[in-house]
Amino acid sequence: MARDRAAGPDVPAAVPRAGDSVPGPARASGARGAWLAGWEVAMAATEWDEVWLSEFAESVNLAPTAKAIARRKARRDARSTLTGAIAKLLVFALAIGVLFTWAFGLFRITGSGMEPTAGDGDLALTSRVVQSLQADDVVVYQVDGEQTVGRVIAQPGDTVEVTQDGEIKINGGLQPLEYGLKTFPQPSGPSYPLTLGAGEFYVLADGRGSARDSRTYGPIGISEVEGKVVALLRLRGI
């Protein structure tokens, strides 16, 4: 149907031309699907953030406080100090054991042979490092499987004489009575006068009486001396 030109420009026809894309259900459905997919991704991200925040908050709550950390450090330091102290104690005990094994010894005195200097039950601390002995040294020695203690009264080269009158002469000189006690020879002992050879010592017990010493055994060799007494621990009666 023809229109008058004065009516104005032609109005496009409502009928679509060939080749035009027609909006329809498929196109609307695709846009909505994309929107839904984006919304789901956003929700998933939001939920993950909430989970992460929840776990982070829980980890923060479980994290040790400054006081707890200080207490743990104090306990760790205390354990380290205790371990160090125990190690030092063990080393000290080992050193004492080695020292007593090689350098010192303990001898328990039995009987009354060394009275009044030492009595039954007392302990003698001895030095095992014995290179030489002097008169008046107190020693622990062993003869015929018997371990005993006595006092050196004569050294190598000295001449000793024990008389039937209970006197002791060293190189012809009369010796003072020890604690007022006389010293008599033993029937099974050596003959007098007795000159000591190299490495030989004449040893007597302070208690004399019936004590067994060089009056019975004769001279004591340096190899038979197990130690020189350096201290006495009086434990009698304990």
Protein backbone atom coordinates (compact mmCIF):
# COMPACT_ATOMS: atom_id res chain seq x y z
CA MET A 1 0.00 0.00 0.00
CA ALA A 2 1.43 3.34 -1.11
CA ARG A 3 1.90 6.19 1.35
CA ASP A 4 1.99 9.89 0.70
CA ARG A 5 5.51 11.34 0.66
CA ALA A 6 4.33 14.26 2.83
CA ALA A 7 3.53 11.87 5.58
CA GLY A 8 7.23 11.60 6.37
CA PRO A 9 9.92 9.02 6.02
CA ASP A 10 9.05 5.45 5.70
CA VAL A 11 8.71 3.61 9.05
CA PRO A 12 10.63 0.41 9.11
CA ALA A 13 8.44 -2.52 8.75
CA ALA A 14 7.72 -4.57 11.82
CA VAL A 15 8.49 -7.67 9.89
CA PRO A 16 12.13 -8.60 10.27
CA ARG A 17 14.31 -8.69 7.31
CA ALA A 18 16.04 -11.77 6.15
CA GLY A 19 19.34 -12.35 7.94
CA ASP A 20 18.41 -10.49 11.15
CA SER A 21 19.08 -12.45 14.39
CA VAL A 22 15.92 -13.05 16.24
CA PRO A 23 16.03 -12.90 20.07
CA GLY A 24 14.42 -15.98 21.38
CA PRO A 25 14.34 -18.41 24.27
CA ALA A 26 17.80 -19.88 23.46
CA ARG A 27 19.48 -16.43 23.68
CA ALA A 28 17.73 -15.54 26.92
CA SER A 29 18.58 -18.89 28.41
CA GLY A 30 22.34 -18.47 27.67
CA ALA A 31 22.59 -15.08 29.43
CA ARG A 32 20.85 -16.38 32.49
CA GLY A 33 23.09 -19.46 32.60
CA ALA A 34 26.18 -17.27 32.52
CA TRP A 35 24.78 -15.14 35.32
CA LEU A 36 23.92 -18.21 37.38
CA ALA A 37 27.37 -19.65 36.82
CA GLY A 38 28.97 -16.39 37.98
CA TRP A 39 26.73 -16.28 41.03
CA GLU A 40 27.64 -19.84 41.96
CA VAL A 41 31.36 -19.05 41.63
CA ALA A 42 30.90 -15.96 43.80
CA MET A 43 29.00 -17.96 46.42
CA ALA A 44 31.61 -20.70 46.39
CA ALA A 45 34.36 -18.12 46.87
CA THR A 46 32.37 -16.56 49.70
CA GLU A 47 31.90 -19.93 51.38
CA TRP A 48 35.65 -20.72 50.98
CA ASP A 49 36.50 -17.35 52.51
CA GLU A 50 34.23 -18.11 55.44
CA VAL A 51 35.82 -21.55 55.93
CA TRP A 52 39.32 -20.08 55.70
CA LEU A 53 38.44 -17.31 58.13
CA SER A 54 36.95 -19.86 60.52
CA GLU A 55 40.04 -22.07 60.35
CA PHE A 56 42.32 -19.06 60.75
CA ALA A 57 40.36 -17.89 63.79
CA GLU A 58 40.58 -21.39 65.28
CA SER A 59 44.32 -21.53 64.66
CA VAL A 60 44.71 -18.13 66.29
CA ASN A 61 42.72 -19.34 69.30
CA LEU A 62 44.89 -22.47 69.52
CA ALA A 63 48.18 -20.57 69.11
CA PRO A 64 50.18 -20.32 72.36
CA THR A 65 50.10 -17.04 74.20
CA ALA A 66 53.23 -15.12 75.15
CA LYS A 67 52.98 -16.46 78.71
CA ALA A 68 52.64 -20.03 77.44
CA ILE A 69 55.67 -19.56 75.22
CA ALA A 70 57.63 -18.15 78.17
CA ARG A 71 56.60 -21.11 80.35
CA ARG A 72 57.66 -23.57 77.66
CA LYS A 73 60.99 -21.82 77.29
CA ALA A 74 61.48 -21.85 81.06
CA ARG A 75 60.74 -25.58 81.19
CA ARG A 76 63.09 -26.21 78.28
CA ASP A 77 65.83 -24.17 79.94
CA ALA A 78 65.25 -26.00 83.23
CA ARG A 79 65.54 -29.38 81.49
CA SER A 80 68.69 -28.23 79.75
CA THR A 81 70.17 -27.02 83.06
CA LEU A 82 69.24 -30.28 84.80
CA THR A 83 70.73 -32.34 81.97
CA GLY A 84 73.92 -30.32 82.14
CA ALA A 85 74.11 -30.72 85.93
CA ILE A 86 73.61 -34.49 85.68
CA ALA A 87 76.28 -34.74 82.99
CA LYS A 88 78.72 -32.76 85.16
CA LEU A 89 77.90 -34.96 88.15
CA LEU A 90 78.54 -38.11 86.14
CA VAL A 91 81.85 -36.74 84.87
CA PHE A 92 82.81 -35.78 88.44
CA ALA A 93 81.86 -39.22 89.76
CA LEU A 94 83.85 -40.88 86.98
CA ALA A 95 86.85 -38.67 87.73
CA ILE A 96 86.61 -39.53 91.44
CA GLY A 97 86.37 -43.23 90.58
CA VAL A 98 89.44 -43.06 88.35
CA LEU A 99 91.28 -40.98 90.95
CA PHE A 100 90.57 -43.48 93.71
CA THR A 101 91.39 -46.41 91.45
CA TRP A 102 94.79 -45.12 90.35
CA ALA A 103 95.89 -42.50 92.87
CA PHE A 104 94.10 -43.09 96.18
CA GLY A 105 92.63 -45.89 98.21
CA LEU A 106 90.58 -46.53 101.34
CA PHE A 107 91.62 -49.05 103.97
CA ARG A 108 89.45 -50.07 106.89
CA ILE A 109 91.51 -50.69 110.00
CA THR A 110 90.69 -53.81 111.97
CA GLY A 111 91.91 -54.72 115.42
CA SER A 112 93.83 -52.63 117.95
CA GLY A 113 97.30 -52.82 116.42
CA MET A 114 97.45 -49.08 115.63
CA GLU A 115 95.88 -47.76 118.85
CA PRO A 116 95.86 -45.06 120.05
CA THR A 117 96.61 -43.53 116.60
CA ALA A 118 93.76 -45.40 114.92
CA GLY A 119 91.24 -47.91 116.19
CA ASP A 120 89.11 -50.73 114.92
CA GLY A 121 86.68 -49.48 112.25
CA ASP A 122 88.56 -46.31 111.34
CA LEU A 123 89.25 -45.57 107.67
CA ALA A 124 92.67 -44.71 106.29
CA LEU A 125 92.89 -42.66 103.09
CA THR A 126 96.05 -43.68 101.27
CA SER A 127 98.07 -42.34 98.37
CA ARG A 128 98.96 -45.14 95.97
CA VAL A 129 101.74 -43.08 94.37
CA VAL A 130 104.62 -44.14 96.62
CA GLN A 131 108.11 -43.51 95.32
CA SER A 132 109.93 -43.22 98.64
CA LEU A 133 109.20 -43.44 102.35
CA GLN A 134 110.55 -41.64 105.36
CA ALA A 135 110.75 -42.60 109.02
CA ASP A 136 107.44 -41.98 110.81
CA ASP A 137 105.34 -42.48 107.63
CA VAL A 138 102.23 -44.61 108.22
CA VAL A 139 101.69 -47.14 105.44
CA VAL A 140 99.29 -49.86 104.37
CA TYR A 141 101.17 -52.96 103.26
CA GLN A 142 100.47 -56.59 102.44
CA VAL A 143 102.53 -59.57 103.53
CA ASP A 144 101.60 -63.25 103.11
CA GLY A 145 98.14 -62.23 101.85
CA GLU A 146 97.46 -60.17 104.98
CA GLN A 147 96.80 -56.45 104.58
CA THR A 148 97.71 -54.30 107.58
CA VAL A 149 98.90 -50.85 108.61
CA GLY A 150 102.05 -49.76 110.41
CA ARG A 151 104.62 -47.00 110.96
CA VAL A 152 108.02 -46.85 109.28
CA ILE A 153 110.80 -46.59 111.89
CA ALA A 154 113.84 -47.42 109.75
CA GLN A 155 114.87 -46.96 106.09
CA PRO A 156 117.24 -48.70 103.68
CA GLY A 157 120.78 -48.75 105.07
CA ASP A 158 119.66 -48.42 108.71
CA THR A 159 120.58 -51.02 111.31
CA VAL A 160 117.74 -52.02 113.62
CA GLU A 161 118.00 -53.79 116.95
CA VAL A 162 115.07 -54.87 119.14
CA THR A 163 116.36 -55.99 122.54
CA GLN A 164 114.98 -58.41 125.04
CA ASP A 165 114.59 -55.44 127.40
CA GLY A 166 111.92 -53.97 125.11
CA GLU A 167 114.13 -51.29 123.62
CA ILE A 168 114.63 -50.26 120.00
CA LYS A 169 117.96 -49.03 118.67
CA ILE A 170 118.42 -47.47 115.22
CA ASN A 171 122.04 -47.24 114.09
CA GLY A 172 123.02 -47.73 117.74
CA GLY A 173 120.81 -44.92 119.01
CA LEU A 174 118.14 -45.68 121.60
CA GLN A 175 114.68 -44.70 120.42
CA PRO A 176 112.09 -43.16 122.75
CA LEU A 177 109.26 -45.40 123.82
CA GLU A 178 106.21 -45.02 121.57
CA TYR A 179 103.31 -44.03 123.84
CA GLY A 180 105.31 -45.43 126.75
CA LEU A 181 105.12 -48.96 125.35
CA LYS A 182 108.09 -51.31 125.22
CA THR A 183 108.82 -53.28 122.08
CA PHE A 184 109.88 -56.89 122.36
CA PRO A 185 111.15 -59.16 119.59
CA GLN A 186 109.02 -62.07 118.34
CA PRO A 187 110.37 -65.62 118.58
CA SER A 188 109.61 -66.27 114.89
CA GLY A 189 111.03 -62.93 113.77
CA PRO A 190 114.38 -61.89 112.29
CA SER A 191 117.71 -61.90 114.08
CA TYR A 192 119.20 -58.65 115.42
CA PRO A 193 121.02 -56.42 114.75
CA LEU A 194 119.35 -56.22 111.31
CA THR A 195 120.69 -54.03 108.52
CA LEU A 196 118.10 -53.06 105.90
CA GLY A 197 118.90 -53.52 102.23
CA ALA A 198 117.87 -51.37 99.27
CA GLY A 199 114.10 -50.89 99.10
CA GLU A 200 113.56 -52.37 102.59
CA PHE A 201 111.79 -50.73 105.52
CA TYR A 202 111.26 -51.72 109.13
CA VAL A 203 107.60 -51.18 110.09
CA LEU A 204 106.02 -51.42 113.54
CA ALA A 205 102.42 -51.08 114.74
CA ASP A 206 101.82 -48.23 117.18
CA GLY A 207 99.96 -50.57 119.51
CA ARG A 208 102.94 -52.97 119.70
CA GLY A 209 101.72 -55.63 122.17
CA SER A 210 100.86 -58.72 120.12
CA ALA A 211 100.49 -56.85 116.78
CA ARG A 212 102.06 -58.47 113.75
CA ASP A 213 104.66 -56.25 112.04
CA SER A 214 108.35 -56.37 111.03
CA ARG A 215 109.13 -58.13 114.32
CA THR A 216 107.23 -61.07 112.78
CA TYR A 217 107.60 -60.57 109.00
CA GLY A 218 111.02 -58.96 108.91
CA PRO A 219 111.72 -55.97 106.64
CA ILE A 220 108.95 -54.80 104.27
CA GLY A 221 109.81 -54.28 100.60
CA ILE A 222 108.67 -51.15 98.80
CA SER A 223 106.74 -53.39 96.39
CA GLU A 224 104.65 -54.66 99.31
CA VAL A 225 103.55 -51.15 100.27
CA GLU A 226 100.07 -50.44 98.86
CA GLY A 227 99.84 -46.84 99.95
CA LYS A 228 100.96 -44.13 102.32
CA VAL A 229 98.30 -42.93 104.76
CA VAL A 230 97.48 -39.27 104.15
CA ALA A 231 94.37 -38.98 106.33
CA LEU A 232 92.47 -40.90 108.98
CA LEU A 233 88.68 -40.95 109.30
CA ARG A 234 87.73 -41.93 112.82
CA LEU A 235 84.62 -44.07 112.48
CA ARG A 236 85.09 -46.34 115.45
CA GLY A 237 81.83 -47.31 117.04
CA ILE A 238 79.72 -46.32 113.99
